[in-house]
């Protein structure tokens, strides 16, 4: 999930930066590309997911013609904030992998 969101954000950001845009939209595409790169690496996943969700939510309202992709990326960003980076990420190497064990309730 982290890799799909990261690749999509980086691709969308790079494609957007290839056209001549006003400064406000350039900043949005730079933030989108940066959040995607952080998600690809699995570095600062809660911060990158929050940034990605915020930027894509803004884009969904600002560019309603392509809102389905933006809404999907908002959902993925929010899910990554809640789930975390996973075992194969820089965050797991730096801070340890958090594992939740659910016990059986046998009475």
PDB file of N, CA and C in Angstrom:
ATOM      1  N   UNK A   1       0.833  -1.183   0.000  1.00  0.00           N
ATOM      2  CA  UNK A   1       0.000   0.000   0.000  1.00  0.00           C
ATOM      3  C   UNK A   1       0.884   1.254   0.000  1.00  0.00           C
ATOM      4  N   UNK A   2       1.947   1.203   0.809  1.00  0.00           N
ATOM      5  CA  UNK A   2       2.854   2.352   0.897  1.00  0.00           C
ATOM      6  C   UNK A   2       3.545   2.603  -0.431  1.00  0.00           C
ATOM      7  N   UNK A   3       3.964   1.538  -1.111  1.00  0.00           N
ATOM      8  CA  UNK A   3       4.663   1.677  -2.387  1.00  0.00           C
ATOM      9  C   UNK A   3       3.740   2.174  -3.491  1.00  0.00           C
ATOM     10  N   UNK A   4       2.514   1.687  -3.523  1.00  0.00           N
ATOM     11  CA  UNK A   4       1.556   2.132  -4.547  1.00  0.00           C
ATOM     12  C   UNK A   4       1.255   3.616  -4.367  1.00  0.00           C
ATOM     13  N   UNK A   5       1.001   4.037  -3.141  1.00  0.00           N
ATOM     14  CA  UNK A   5       0.732   5.452  -2.895  1.00  0.00           C
ATOM     15  C   UNK A   5       1.960   6.301  -3.215  1.00  0.00           C
ATOM     16  N   UNK A   6       3.134   5.828  -2.838  1.00  0.00           N
ATOM     17  CA  UNK A   6       4.353   6.584  -3.103  1.00  0.00           C
ATOM     18  C   UNK A   6       4.631   6.741  -4.586  1.00  0.00           C
ATOM     19  N   UNK A   7       4.526   5.642  -5.348  1.00  0.00           N
ATOM     20  CA  UNK A   7       4.752   5.719  -6.794  1.00  0.00           C
ATOM     21  C   UNK A   7       3.748   6.646  -7.465  1.00  0.00           C
ATOM     22  N   UNK A   8       2.495   6.559  -7.056  1.00  0.00           N
ATOM     23  CA  UNK A   8       1.461   7.398  -7.659  1.00  0.00           C
ATOM     24  C   UNK A   8       1.692   8.873  -7.347  1.00  0.00           C
ATOM     25  N   UNK A   9       2.060   9.183  -6.118  1.00  0.00           N
ATOM     26  CA  UNK A   9       2.320  10.572  -5.744  1.00  0.00           C
ATOM     27  C   UNK A   9       3.529  11.132  -6.478  1.00  0.00           C
ATOM     28  N   UNK A  10       4.601  10.358  -6.560  1.00  0.00           N
ATOM     29  CA  UNK A  10       5.796  10.832  -7.260  1.00  0.00           C
ATOM     30  C   UNK A  10       5.500  11.034  -8.744  1.00  0.00           C
ATOM     31  N   UNK A  11       4.809  10.075  -9.356  1.00  0.00           N
ATOM     32  CA  UNK A  11       4.478  10.190 -10.775  1.00  0.00           C
ATOM     33  C   UNK A  11       3.591  11.403 -11.040  1.00  0.00           C
ATOM     34  N   UNK A  12       2.565  11.569 -10.236  1.00  0.00           N
ATOM     35  CA  UNK A  12       1.656  12.697 -10.419  1.00  0.00           C
ATOM     36  C   UNK A  12       2.371  14.026 -10.200  1.00  0.00           C
ATOM     37  N   UNK A  13       3.257  14.070  -9.227  1.00  0.00           N
ATOM     38  CA  UNK A  13       4.001  15.301  -8.958  1.00  0.00           C
ATOM     39  C   UNK A  13       4.975  15.653 -10.065  1.00  0.00           C
ATOM     40  N   UNK A  14       5.695  14.670 -10.590  1.00  0.00           N
ATOM     41  CA  UNK A  14       6.665  14.929 -11.659  1.00  0.00           C
ATOM     42  C   UNK A  14       5.958  15.337 -12.945  1.00  0.00           C
ATOM     43  N   UNK A  15       4.859  14.660 -13.261  1.00  0.00           N
ATOM     44  CA  UNK A  15       4.097  15.034 -14.465  1.00  0.00           C
ATOM     45  C   UNK A  15       3.554  16.456 -14.322  1.00  0.00           C
ATOM     46  N   UNK A  16       3.107  16.809 -13.136  1.00  0.00           N
ATOM     47  CA  UNK A  16       2.596  18.165 -12.916  1.00  0.00           C
ATOM     48  C   UNK A  16       3.675  19.227 -12.989  1.00  0.00           C
ATOM     49  N   UNK A  17       4.894  18.890 -12.593  1.00  0.00           N
ATOM     50  CA  UNK A  17       5.981  19.871 -12.619  1.00  0.00           C
ATOM     51  C   UNK A  17       6.543  20.098 -14.021  1.00  0.00           C
ATOM     52  N   UNK A  18       6.215  19.244 -14.961  1.00  0.00           N
ATOM     53  CA  UNK A  18       6.733  19.407 -16.324  1.00  0.00           C
ATOM     54  C   UNK A  18       6.048  20.543 -17.092  1.00  0.00           C
ATOM     55  N   UNK A  19       4.916  20.993 -16.625  1.00  0.00           N
ATOM     56  CA  UNK A  19       4.219  22.094 -17.286  1.00  0.00           C
ATOM     57  C   UNK A  19       4.528  23.394 -16.565  1.00  0.00           C
ATOM     58  N   UNK A  20       4.322  24.484 -17.246  1.00  0.00           N
ATOM     59  CA  UNK A  20       4.569  25.791 -16.643  1.00  0.00           C
ATOM     60  C   UNK A  20       3.343  26.195 -15.833  1.00  0.00           C
ATOM     61  N   UNK A  21       3.545  26.374 -14.535  1.00  0.00           N
ATOM     62  CA  UNK A  21       2.447  26.619 -13.613  1.00  0.00           C
ATOM     63  C   UNK A  21       2.739  27.827 -12.739  1.00  0.00           C
ATOM     64  N   UNK A  22       1.697  28.385 -12.118  1.00  0.00           N
ATOM     65  CA  UNK A  22       1.939  29.424 -11.113  1.00  0.00           C
ATOM     66  C   UNK A  22       2.613  28.830  -9.868  1.00  0.00           C
ATOM     67  N   UNK A  23       3.189  29.693  -9.062  1.00  0.00           N
ATOM     68  CA  UNK A  23       3.978  29.266  -7.905  1.00  0.00           C
ATOM     69  C   UNK A  23       3.173  28.415  -6.927  1.00  0.00           C
ATOM     70  N   UNK A  24       1.910  28.721  -6.731  1.00  0.00           N
ATOM     71  CA  UNK A  24       1.089  27.957  -5.786  1.00  0.00           C
ATOM     72  C   UNK A  24       0.948  26.506  -6.174  1.00  0.00           C
ATOM     73  N   UNK A  25       0.745  26.248  -7.452  1.00  0.00           N
ATOM     74  CA  UNK A  25       0.615  24.869  -7.901  1.00  0.00           C
ATOM     75  C   UNK A  25       1.961  24.152  -7.920  1.00  0.00           C
ATOM     76  N   UNK A  26       3.034  24.878  -8.165  1.00  0.00           N
ATOM     77  CA  UNK A  26       4.369  24.276  -8.120  1.00  0.00           C
ATOM     78  C   UNK A  26       4.667  23.780  -6.710  1.00  0.00           C
ATOM     79  N   UNK A  27       4.302  24.560  -5.719  1.00  0.00           N
ATOM     80  CA  UNK A  27       4.523  24.158  -4.324  1.00  0.00           C
ATOM     81  C   UNK A  27       3.731  22.894  -4.005  1.00  0.00           C
ATOM     82  N   UNK A  28       2.498  22.816  -4.490  1.00  0.00           N
ATOM     83  CA  UNK A  28       1.670  21.627  -4.249  1.00  0.00           C
ATOM     84  C   UNK A  28       2.311  20.395  -4.878  1.00  0.00           C
ATOM     85  N   UNK A  29       2.803  20.520  -6.114  1.00  0.00           N
ATOM     86  CA  UNK A  29       3.428  19.376  -6.780  1.00  0.00           C
ATOM     87  C   UNK A  29       4.751  18.984  -6.125  1.00  0.00           C
ATOM     88  N   UNK A  30       5.496  19.950  -5.612  1.00  0.00           N
ATOM     89  CA  UNK A  30       6.735  19.630  -4.896  1.00  0.00           C
ATOM     90  C   UNK A  30       6.425  18.891  -3.588  1.00  0.00           C
ATOM     91  N   UNK A  31       5.408  19.350  -2.863  1.00  0.00           N
ATOM     92  CA  UNK A  31       5.002  18.664  -1.630  1.00  0.00           C
ATOM     93  C   UNK A  31       4.508  17.255  -1.929  1.00  0.00           C
ATOM     94  N   UNK A  32       3.759  17.114  -3.016  1.00  0.00           N
ATOM     95  CA  UNK A  32       3.247  15.809  -3.403  1.00  0.00           C
ATOM     96  C   UNK A  32       4.387  14.851  -3.754  1.00  0.00           C
ATOM     97  N   UNK A  33       5.371  15.339  -4.502  1.00  0.00           N
ATOM     98  CA  UNK A  33       6.518  14.510  -4.868  1.00  0.00           C
ATOM     99  C   UNK A  33       7.350  14.158  -3.637  1.00  0.00           C
ATOM    100  N   UNK A  34       7.535  15.110  -2.742  1.00  0.00           N
ATOM    101  CA  UNK A  34       8.292  14.842  -1.515  1.00  0.00           C
ATOM    102  C   UNK A  34       7.609  13.828  -0.617  1.00  0.00           C
ATOM    103  N   UNK A  35       6.296  13.956  -0.461  1.00  0.00           N
ATOM    104  CA  UNK A  35       5.557  12.991   0.352  1.00  0.00           C
ATOM    105  C   UNK A  35       5.616  11.607  -0.274  1.00  0.00           C
ATOM    106  N   UNK A  36       5.531  11.545  -1.595  1.00  0.00           N
ATOM    107  CA  UNK A  36       5.630  10.255  -2.277  1.00  0.00           C
ATOM    108  C   UNK A  36       6.994   9.618  -2.102  1.00  0.00           C
ATOM    109  N   UNK A  37       8.056  10.425  -2.173  1.00  0.00           N
ATOM    110  CA  UNK A  37       9.410   9.890  -1.991  1.00  0.00           C
ATOM    111  C   UNK A  37       9.604   9.375  -0.562  1.00  0.00           C
ATOM    112  N   UNK A  38       9.074  10.095   0.414  1.00  0.00           N
ATOM    113  CA  UNK A  38       9.173   9.631   1.800  1.00  0.00           C
ATOM    114  C   UNK A  38       8.387   8.340   2.011  1.00  0.00           C
ATOM    115  N   UNK A  39       7.234   8.232   1.380  1.00  0.00           N
ATOM    116  CA  UNK A  39       6.452   7.002   1.501  1.00  0.00           C
ATOM    117  C   UNK A  39       7.153   5.832   0.821  1.00  0.00           C
ATOM    118  N   UNK A  40       7.782   6.079  -0.319  1.00  0.00           N
ATOM    119  CA  UNK A  40       8.524   5.012  -0.993  1.00  0.00           C
ATOM    120  C   UNK A  40       9.641   4.467  -0.109  1.00  0.00           C
ATOM    121  N   UNK A  41      10.329   5.354   0.575  1.00  0.00           N
ATOM    122  CA  UNK A  41      11.418   4.930   1.448  1.00  0.00           C
ATOM    123  C   UNK A  41      10.909   4.388   2.779  1.00  0.00           C
ATOM    124  N   UNK A  42       9.700   4.756   3.149  1.00  0.00           N
ATOM    125  CA  UNK A  42       9.182   4.349   4.451  1.00  0.00           C
ATOM    126  C   UNK A  42       9.778   5.184   5.562  1.00  0.00           C
ATOM    127  N   UNK A  43      10.123   6.403   5.255  1.00  0.00           N
ATOM    128  CA  UNK A  43      10.720   7.311   6.236  1.00  0.00           C
ATOM    129  C   UNK A  43       9.684   8.334   6.672  1.00  0.00           C
ATOM    130  N   UNK A  44       9.516   8.490   7.969  1.00  0.00           N
ATOM    131  CA  UNK A  44       8.550   9.422   8.556  1.00  0.00           C
ATOM    132  C   UNK A  44       7.161   9.183   7.984  1.00  0.00           C
ATOM    133  N   UNK A  45       6.739   7.957   7.994  1.00  0.00           N
ATOM    134  CA  UNK A  45       5.487   7.559   7.358  1.00  0.00           C
ATOM    135  C   UNK A  45       4.267   8.297   7.903  1.00  0.00           C
ATOM    136  N   UNK A  46       4.111   8.480   9.215  1.00  0.00           N
ATOM    137  CA  UNK A  46       2.934   9.226   9.679  1.00  0.00           C
ATOM    138  C   UNK A  46       2.917  10.672   9.174  1.00  0.00           C
ATOM    139  N   UNK A  47       4.076  11.303   9.128  1.00  0.00           N
ATOM    140  CA  UNK A  47       4.153  12.692   8.651  1.00  0.00           C
ATOM    141  C   UNK A  47       3.905  12.744   7.140  1.00  0.00           C
ATOM    142  N   UNK A  48       4.540  11.823   6.399  1.00  0.00           N
ATOM    143  CA  UNK A  48       4.368  11.796   4.946  1.00  0.00           C
ATOM    144  C   UNK A  48       2.939  11.437   4.563  1.00  0.00           C
ATOM    145  N   UNK A  49       2.317  10.520   5.273  1.00  0.00           N
ATOM    146  CA  UNK A  49       0.925  10.165   5.001  1.00  0.00           C
ATOM    147  C   UNK A  49      -0.032  11.308   5.277  1.00  0.00           C
ATOM    148  N   UNK A  50       0.218  12.028   6.358  1.00  0.00           N
ATOM    149  CA  UNK A  50      -0.605  13.197   6.668  1.00  0.00           C
ATOM    150  C   UNK A  50      -0.426  14.281   5.620  1.00  0.00           C
ATOM    151  N   UNK A  51       0.808  14.512   5.207  1.00  0.00           N
ATOM    152  CA  UNK A  51       1.082  15.501   4.163  1.00  0.00           C
ATOM    153  C   UNK A  51       0.423  15.107   2.850  1.00  0.00           C
ATOM    154  N   UNK A  52       0.539  13.850   2.481  1.00  0.00           N
ATOM    155  CA  UNK A  52      -0.065  13.367   1.233  1.00  0.00           C
ATOM    156  C   UNK A  52      -1.585  13.495   1.285  1.00  0.00           C
ATOM    157  N   UNK A  53      -2.192  13.110   2.398  1.00  0.00           N
ATOM    158  CA  UNK A  53      -3.648  13.195   2.521  1.00  0.00           C
ATOM    159  C   UNK A  53      -4.117  14.644   2.468  1.00  0.00           C
ATOM    160  N   UNK A  54      -3.384  15.538   3.111  1.00  0.00           N
ATOM    161  CA  UNK A  54      -3.761  16.953   3.119  1.00  0.00           C
ATOM    162  C   UNK A  54      -3.642  17.569   1.732  1.00  0.00           C
ATOM    163  N   UNK A  55      -2.527  17.311   1.060  1.00  0.00           N
ATOM    164  CA  UNK A  55      -2.317  17.868  -0.281  1.00  0.00           C
ATOM    165  C   UNK A  55      -3.347  17.312  -1.258  1.00  0.00           C
ATOM    166  N   UNK A  56      -3.610  16.030  -1.186  1.00  0.00           N
ATOM    167  CA  UNK A  56      -4.567  15.431  -2.115  1.00  0.00           C
ATOM    168  C   UNK A  56      -6.003  15.856  -1.811  1.00  0.00           C
ATOM    169  N   UNK A  57      -6.330  16.089  -0.569  1.00  0.00           N
ATOM    170  CA  UNK A  57      -7.653  16.613  -0.238  1.00  0.00           C
ATOM    171  C   UNK A  57      -7.829  18.012  -0.814  1.00  0.00           C
ATOM    172  N   UNK A  58      -6.785  18.822  -0.703  1.00  0.00           N
ATOM    173  CA  UNK A  58      -6.831  20.153  -1.298  1.00  0.00           C
ATOM    174  C   UNK A  58      -6.992  20.056  -2.814  1.00  0.00           C
ATOM    175  N   UNK A  59      -6.233  19.135  -3.443  1.00  0.00           N
ATOM    176  CA  UNK A  59      -6.320  18.954  -4.902  1.00  0.00           C
ATOM    177  C   UNK A  59      -7.698  18.450  -5.324  1.00  0.00           C
ATOM    178  N   UNK A  60      -8.327  17.615  -4.502  1.00  0.00           N
ATOM    179  CA  UNK A  60      -9.654  17.098  -4.844  1.00  0.00           C
ATOM    180  C   UNK A  60     -10.676  18.221  -4.927  1.00  0.00           C
ATOM    181  N   UNK A  61     -10.549  19.221  -4.057  1.00  0.00           N
ATOM    182  CA  UNK A  61     -11.476  20.348  -4.113  1.00  0.00           C
ATOM    183  C   UNK A  61     -11.070  21.378  -5.153  1.00  0.00           C
ATOM    184  N   UNK A  62      -9.775  21.513  -5.382  1.00  0.00           N
ATOM    185  CA  UNK A  62      -9.268  22.508  -6.322  1.00  0.00           C
ATOM    186  C   UNK A  62      -9.416  22.043  -7.772  1.00  0.00           C
ATOM    187  N   UNK A  63      -9.245  20.744  -8.040  1.00  0.00           N
ATOM    188  CA  UNK A  63      -9.321  20.198  -9.394  1.00  0.00           C
ATOM    189  C   UNK A  63     -10.405  19.122  -9.433  1.00  0.00           C
ATOM    190  N   UNK A  64     -11.667  19.494  -9.533  1.00  0.00           N
ATOM    191  CA  UNK A  64     -12.749  18.501  -9.439  1.00  0.00           C
ATOM    192  C   UNK A  64     -12.831  17.549 -10.635  1.00  0.00           C
ATOM    193  N   UNK A  65     -12.130  17.827 -11.744  1.00  0.00           N
ATOM    194  CA  UNK A  65     -12.230  16.949 -12.915  1.00  0.00           C
ATOM    195  C   UNK A  65     -11.542  15.610 -12.688  1.00  0.00           C
ATOM    196  N   UNK A  66     -10.580  15.541 -11.798  1.00  0.00           N
ATOM    197  CA  UNK A  66      -9.839  14.308 -11.533  1.00  0.00           C
ATOM    198  C   UNK A  66      -9.925  13.957 -10.051  1.00  0.00           C
ATOM    199  N   UNK A  67     -11.091  14.137  -9.474  1.00  0.00           N
ATOM    200  CA  UNK A  67     -11.199  14.014  -8.018  1.00  0.00           C
ATOM    201  C   UNK A  67     -11.142  12.570  -7.534  1.00  0.00           C
ATOM    202  N   UNK A  68     -11.462  11.596  -8.372  1.00  0.00           N
ATOM    203  CA  UNK A  68     -11.461  10.211  -7.923  1.00  0.00           C
ATOM    204  C   UNK A  68     -10.060   9.745  -7.535  1.00  0.00           C
ATOM    205  N   UNK A  69      -9.060  10.091  -8.320  1.00  0.00           N
ATOM    206  CA  UNK A  69      -7.682   9.736  -7.997  1.00  0.00           C
ATOM    207  C   UNK A  69      -7.240  10.422  -6.709  1.00  0.00           C
ATOM    208  N   UNK A  70      -7.613  11.670  -6.555  1.00  0.00           N
ATOM    209  CA  UNK A  70      -7.231  12.404  -5.352  1.00  0.00           C
ATOM    210  C   UNK A  70      -7.899  11.826  -4.107  1.00  0.00           C
ATOM    211  N   UNK A  71      -9.153  11.442  -4.227  1.00  0.00           N
ATOM    212  CA  UNK A  71      -9.855  10.851  -3.082  1.00  0.00           C
ATOM    213  C   UNK A  71      -9.226   9.506  -2.710  1.00  0.00           C
ATOM    214  N   UNK A  72      -8.829   8.728  -3.718  1.00  0.00           N
ATOM    215  CA  UNK A  72      -8.142   7.459  -3.451  1.00  0.00           C
ATOM    216  C   UNK A  72      -6.828   7.701  -2.712  1.00  0.00           C
ATOM    217  N   UNK A  73      -6.063   8.706  -3.124  1.00  0.00           N
ATOM    218  CA  UNK A  73      -4.791   9.003  -2.459  1.00  0.00           C
ATOM    219  C   UNK A  73      -4.997   9.582  -1.059  1.00  0.00           C
ATOM    220  N   UNK A  74      -6.083  10.317  -0.840  1.00  0.00           N
ATOM    221  CA  UNK A  74      -6.409  10.771   0.519  1.00  0.00           C
ATOM    222  C   UNK A  74      -6.657   9.565   1.415  1.00  0.00           C
ATOM    223  N   UNK A  75      -7.413   8.603   0.915  1.00  0.00           N
ATOM    224  CA  UNK A  75      -7.721   7.403   1.684  1.00  0.00           C
ATOM    225  C   UNK A  75      -6.461   6.595   1.978  1.00  0.00           C
ATOM    226  N   UNK A  76      -5.600   6.423   0.978  1.00  0.00           N
ATOM    227  CA  UNK A  76      -4.352   5.687   1.195  1.00  0.00           C
ATOM    228  C   UNK A  76      -3.442   6.408   2.185  1.00  0.00           C
ATOM    229  N   UNK A  77      -3.352   7.726   2.082  1.00  0.00           N
ATOM    230  CA  UNK A  77      -2.525   8.489   3.020  1.00  0.00           C
ATOM    231  C   UNK A  77      -3.012   8.350   4.451  1.00  0.00           C
ATOM    232  N   UNK A  78      -4.336   8.448   4.637  1.00  0.00           N
ATOM    233  CA  UNK A  78      -4.900   8.310   5.982  1.00  0.00           C
ATOM    234  C   UNK A  78      -4.711   6.894   6.520  1.00  0.00           C
ATOM    235  N   UNK A  79      -4.856   5.898   5.654  1.00  0.00           N
ATOM    236  CA  UNK A  79      -4.655   4.517   6.090  1.00  0.00           C
ATOM    237  C   UNK A  79      -3.203   4.281   6.492  1.00  0.00           C
ATOM    238  N   UNK A  80      -2.266   4.851   5.757  1.00  0.00           N
ATOM    239  CA  UNK A  80      -0.856   4.682   6.101  1.00  0.00           C
ATOM    240  C   UNK A  80      -0.504   5.364   7.417  1.00  0.00           C
ATOM    241  N   UNK A  81      -1.157   6.470   7.709  1.00  0.00           N
ATOM    242  CA  UNK A  81      -0.937   7.123   9.005  1.00  0.00           C
ATOM    243  C   UNK A  81      -1.386   6.194  10.127  1.00  0.00           C
ATOM    244  N   UNK A  82      -2.511   5.522   9.929  1.00  0.00           N
ATOM    245  CA  UNK A  82      -3.052   4.661  10.973  1.00  0.00           C
ATOM    246  C   UNK A  82      -2.340   3.315  11.070  1.00  0.00           C
ATOM    247  N   UNK A  83      -1.947   2.738   9.931  1.00  0.00           N
ATOM    248  CA  UNK A  83      -1.349   1.405   9.918  1.00  0.00           C
ATOM    249  C   UNK A  83       0.145   1.453  10.205  1.00  0.00           C
ATOM    250  N   UNK A  84       0.839   2.426   9.625  1.00  0.00           N
ATOM    251  CA  UNK A  84       2.282   2.523   9.801  1.00  0.00           C
ATOM    252  C   UNK A  84       3.025   2.033   8.576  1.00  0.00           C
ATOM    253  N   UNK A  85       4.339   2.074   8.622  1.00  0.00           N
ATOM    254  CA  UNK A  85       5.145   1.817   7.431  1.00  0.00           C
ATOM    255  C   UNK A  85       5.308   0.353   7.058  1.00  0.00           C
ATOM    256  N   UNK A  86       5.235  -0.542   8.005  1.00  0.00           N
ATOM    257  CA  UNK A  86       5.466  -1.950   7.710  1.00  0.00           C
ATOM    258  C   UNK A  86       6.877  -2.373   8.076  1.00  0.00           C
ATOM    259  N   UNK A  87       7.160  -3.639   7.875  1.00  0.00           N
ATOM    260  CA  UNK A  87       8.434  -4.214   8.305  1.00  0.00           C
ATOM    261  C   UNK A  87       9.600  -3.795   7.424  1.00  0.00           C
ATOM    262  N   UNK A  88       9.364  -3.605   6.135  1.00  0.00           N
ATOM    263  CA  UNK A  88      10.437  -3.263   5.201  1.00  0.00           C
ATOM    264  C   UNK A  88      10.437  -1.781   4.925  1.00  0.00           C
ATOM    265  N   UNK A  89      10.890  -1.004   5.884  1.00  0.00           N
ATOM    266  CA  UNK A  89      10.928   0.444   5.741  1.00  0.00           C
ATOM    267  C   UNK A  89      12.083   1.004   6.572  1.00  0.00           C
ATOM    268  N   UNK A  90      12.411   2.239   6.296  1.00  0.00           N
ATOM    269  CA  UNK A  90      13.462   2.905   7.068  1.00  0.00           C
ATOM    270  C   UNK A  90      12.982   3.132   8.502  1.00  0.00           C
ATOM    271  N   UNK A  91      11.700   3.442   8.664  1.00  0.00           N
ATOM    272  CA  UNK A  91      11.148   3.637  10.010  1.00  0.00           C
ATOM    273  C   UNK A  91      11.296   2.373  10.865  1.00  0.00           C
ATOM    274  N   UNK A  92      11.076   1.219  10.271  1.00  0.00           N
ATOM    275  CA  UNK A  92      11.214  -0.030  11.030  1.00  0.00           C
ATOM    276  C   UNK A  92      12.659  -0.259  11.456  1.00  0.00           C
ATOM    277  N   UNK A  93      13.591   0.129  10.625  1.00  0.00           N
ATOM    278  CA  UNK A  93      15.011  -0.026  10.968  1.00  0.00           C
ATOM    279  C   UNK A  93      15.440   0.981  12.043  1.00  0.00           C
ATOM    280  N   UNK A  94      14.910   2.196  11.960  1.00  0.00           N
ATOM    281  CA  UNK A  94      15.310   3.229  12.917  1.00  0.00           C
ATOM    282  C   UNK A  94      14.621   3.090  14.269  1.00  0.00           C
ATOM    283  N   UNK A  95      13.330   2.816  14.249  1.00  0.00           N
ATOM    284  CA  UNK A  95      12.543   2.854  15.482  1.00  0.00           C
ATOM    285  C   UNK A  95      12.006   1.505  15.910  1.00  0.00           C
ATOM    286  N   UNK A  96      12.246   0.471  15.139  1.00  0.00           N
ATOM    287  CA  UNK A  96      11.718  -0.850  15.467  1.00  0.00           C
ATOM    288  C   UNK A  96      10.341  -1.047  14.883  1.00  0.00           C
ATOM    289  N   UNK A  97      10.046  -2.285  14.551  1.00  0.00           N
ATOM    290  CA  UNK A  97       8.761  -2.597  13.950  1.00  0.00           C
ATOM    291  C   UNK A  97       7.757  -2.861  15.050  1.00  0.00           C
ATOM    292  N   UNK A  98       6.653  -2.172  15.029  1.00  0.00           N
ATOM    293  CA  UNK A  98       5.602  -2.355  16.023  1.00  0.00           C
ATOM    294  C   UNK A  98       4.680  -3.471  15.561  1.00  0.00           C
ATOM    295  N   UNK A  99       4.562  -4.489  16.366  1.00  0.00           N
ATOM    296  CA  UNK A  99       3.720  -5.620  16.016  1.00  0.00           C
ATOM    297  C   UNK A  99       2.625  -5.751  17.062  1.00  0.00           C
ATOM    298  N   UNK A 100       1.418  -5.948  16.595  1.00  0.00           N
ATOM    299  CA  UNK A 100       0.270  -6.099  17.489  1.00  0.00           C
ATOM    300  C   UNK A 100      -0.136  -7.562  17.485  1.00  0.00           C
ATOM    301  N   UNK A 101      -0.080  -8.196  18.628  1.00  0.00           N
ATOM    302  CA  UNK A 101      -0.495  -9.588  18.768  1.00  0.00           C
ATOM    303  C   UNK A 101      -1.880  -9.613  19.422  1.00  0.00           C
ATOM    304  N   UNK A 102      -2.811 -10.285  18.779  1.00  0.00           N
ATOM    305  CA  UNK A 102      -4.162 -10.406  19.303  1.00  0.00           C
ATOM    306  C   UNK A 102      -4.304 -11.784  19.911  1.00  0.00           C
ATOM    307  N   UNK A 103      -4.629 -11.813  21.196  1.00  0.00           N
ATOM    308  CA  UNK A 103      -4.759 -13.083  21.902  1.00  0.00           C
ATOM    309  C   UNK A 103      -6.156 -13.649  21.707  1.00  0.00           C
ATOM    310  N   UNK A 104      -6.259 -14.973  21.800  1.00  0.00           N
ATOM    311  CA  UNK A 104      -7.552 -15.614  21.802  1.00  0.00           C
ATOM    312  C   UNK A 104      -8.230 -15.397  23.139  1.00  0.00           C
ATOM    313  N   UNK A 105      -9.503 -15.214  23.111  1.00  0.00           N
ATOM    314  CA  UNK A 105     -10.252 -15.047  24.360  1.00  0.00           C
ATOM    315  C   UNK A 105     -10.919 -16.358  24.728  1.00  0.00           C
ATOM    316  N   UNK A 106     -10.155 -17.282  25.213  1.00  0.00           N
ATOM    317  CA  UNK A 106     -10.712 -18.568  25.637  1.00  0.00           C
ATOM    318  C   UNK A 106     -10.983 -18.499  27.128  1.00  0.00           C
ATOM    319  N   UNK A 107     -12.218 -18.670  27.479  1.00  0.00           N
ATOM    320  CA  UNK A 107     -12.593 -18.600  28.896  1.00  0.00           C
ATOM    321  C   UNK A 107     -12.684 -19.953  29.524  1.00  0.00           C
TER     322      UNK A 107
END
